[in-house]
C-alpha atoms as a PDB file:
ATOM      1  CA  TYR A   1      -4.000  -0.191   8.010  1.00  0.00           C
ATOM      2  CA  ALA A   2      -2.347  -0.595   4.594  1.00  0.00           C
ATOM      3  CA  ARG A   3      -1.307  -4.173   5.318  1.00  0.00           C
ATOM      4  CA  ASP A   4      -4.803  -5.145   6.475  1.00  0.00           C
ATOM      5  CA  LYS A   5      -6.377  -3.574   3.376  1.00  0.00           C
ATOM      6  CA  ALA A   6      -3.838  -5.260   1.101  1.00  0.00           C
ATOM      7  CA  LEU A   7      -4.396  -8.661   2.689  1.00  0.00           C
ATOM      8  CA  SER A   8      -8.181  -8.292   2.402  1.00  0.00           C
ATOM      9  CA  LEU A   9      -7.730  -7.710  -1.346  1.00  0.00           C
ATOM     10  CA  ASP A  10      -5.209 -10.555  -1.762  1.00  0.00           C
ATOM     11  CA  LEU A  11      -2.425  -8.164  -2.778  1.00  0.00           C
ATOM     12  CA  LYS A  12       1.283  -8.878  -2.429  1.00  0.00           C
ATOM     13  CA  GLY A  13       4.033  -6.399  -1.592  1.00  0.00           C
ATOM     14  CA  TRP A  14       5.119  -4.348   1.393  1.00  0.00           C
ATOM     15  CA  VAL A  15       4.612  -1.157   3.397  1.00  0.00           C
ATOM     16  CA  ARG A  16       7.012   0.889   5.509  1.00  0.00           C
ATOM     17  CA  ASN A  17       6.956   4.134   7.453  1.00  0.00           C
ATOM     18  CA  LEU A  18       9.571   6.655   6.386  1.00  0.00           C
ATOM     19  CA  PRO A  19      11.434   8.899   8.870  1.00  0.00           C
ATOM     20  CA  ASP A  20       9.683  12.029   7.552  1.00  0.00           C
ATOM     21  CA  GLY A  21       6.200  10.653   8.328  1.00  0.00           C
ATOM     22  CA  ARG A  22       5.353   9.449   4.838  1.00  0.00           C
ATOM     23  CA  VAL A  23       4.387   5.862   4.096  1.00  0.00           C
ATOM     24  CA  GLU A  24       5.861   3.902   1.188  1.00  0.00           C
ATOM     25  CA  ILE A  25       3.854   1.033  -0.287  1.00  0.00           C
ATOM     26  CA  VAL A  26       4.631  -1.451  -3.041  1.00  0.00           C
ATOM     27  CA  ALA A  27       1.565  -3.479  -4.015  1.00  0.00           C
ATOM     28  CA  GLU A  28       1.039  -6.151  -6.656  1.00  0.00           C
ATOM     29  CA  GLY A  29      -2.182  -7.789  -7.760  1.00  0.00           C
ATOM     30  CA  LYS A  30      -5.078  -7.625 -10.177  1.00  0.00           C
ATOM     31  CA  GLU A  31      -5.702  -4.152 -11.567  1.00  0.00           C
ATOM     32  CA  GLU A  32      -9.241  -3.890 -10.179  1.00  0.00           C
ATOM     33  CA  LYS A  33      -8.011  -4.823  -6.698  1.00  0.00           C
ATOM     34  CA  ILE A  34      -5.179  -2.292  -6.904  1.00  0.00           C
ATOM     35  CA  ALA A  35      -7.801   0.343  -7.808  1.00  0.00           C
ATOM     36  CA  LEU A  36      -9.841  -0.549  -4.696  1.00  0.00           C
ATOM     37  CA  PHE A  37      -6.682  -0.458  -2.593  1.00  0.00           C
ATOM     38  CA  LEU A  38      -5.821   3.026  -3.862  1.00  0.00           C
ATOM     39  CA  VAL A  39      -9.298   4.291  -2.935  1.00  0.00           C
ATOM     40  CA  SER A  40      -8.891   3.052   0.641  1.00  0.00           C
ATOM     41  CA  ILE A  41      -5.334   4.408   0.897  1.00  0.00           C
ATOM     42  CA  ARG A  42      -6.466   7.853  -0.296  1.00  0.00           C
ATOM     43  CA  THR A  43      -8.964   7.894   2.572  1.00  0.00           C
ATOM     44  CA  GLY A  44      -6.643   6.359   5.155  1.00  0.00           C
ATOM     45  CA  PRO A  45      -7.567   5.337   8.692  1.00  0.00           C
ATOM     46  CA  SER A  46      -9.472   7.782  10.906  1.00  0.00           C
ATOM     47  CA  SER A  47      -6.302   8.431  12.927  1.00  0.00           C
ATOM     48  CA  ALA A  48      -4.314   9.572   9.868  1.00  0.00           C
ATOM     49  CA  ARG A  49      -4.315  12.573   7.570  1.00  0.00           C
ATOM     50  CA  VAL A  50      -3.553  11.711   3.953  1.00  0.00           C
ATOM     51  CA  THR A  51      -2.430  14.875   2.162  1.00  0.00           C
ATOM     52  CA  ASP A  52      -0.964  13.434  -1.025  1.00  0.00           C
ATOM     53  CA  LEU A  53      -0.793  10.174  -2.914  1.00  0.00           C
ATOM     54  CA  GLN A  54       1.809   9.481  -5.579  1.00  0.00           C
ATOM     55  CA  VAL A  55       1.371   6.411  -7.759  1.00  0.00           C
ATOM     56  CA  ASP A  56       4.220   5.037  -9.856  1.00  0.00           C
ATOM     57  CA  TRP A  57       3.615   1.972 -12.019  1.00  0.00           C
ATOM     58  CA  THR A  58       6.598  -0.359 -12.310  1.00  0.00           C
ATOM     59  CA  THR A  59       7.459  -3.940 -13.189  1.00  0.00           C
ATOM     60  CA  LEU A  60       6.371  -6.734 -10.880  1.00  0.00           C
ATOM     61  CA  GLN A  61       8.742  -7.717  -8.098  1.00  0.00           C
ATOM     62  CA  ALA A  62       7.109 -11.147  -7.565  1.00  0.00           C
ATOM     63  CA  GLU A  63       6.444 -10.637  -3.853  1.00  0.00           C
ATOM     64  CA  GLU A  64       5.019 -13.722  -2.138  1.00  0.00           C
ATOM     65  CA  GLN A  65       3.007 -11.978   0.587  1.00  0.00           C
ATOM     66  CA  PHE A  66       2.259  -8.506   1.963  1.00  0.00           C
ATOM     67  CA  THR A  67       4.637  -7.532   4.754  1.00  0.00           C
ATOM     68  CA  ILE A  68       5.609  -4.616   6.948  1.00  0.00           C
ATOM     69  CA  ARG A  69       9.204  -3.560   6.395  1.00  0.00           C
ATOM     70  CA  HIS A  70      11.255  -1.836   9.057  1.00  0.00           C
ATOM     71  CA  GLY A  71      14.136   0.527   8.547  1.00  0.00           C
END
């Protein structure tokens, strides 16, 4: 879900599932597209229950694409 949304907004970065059920996302792109991404992430897919969203702004990591990380 997050990867598809990120790709549709031309964002770069990555997403990974954490062992405790949380999802970690690093996304880079234009501010207005990040804002749209955050709206969709807050809602989540119909099969998920989003209970909290923490946003931390940091320096760019110069990702080249948006990928799914494992581990």
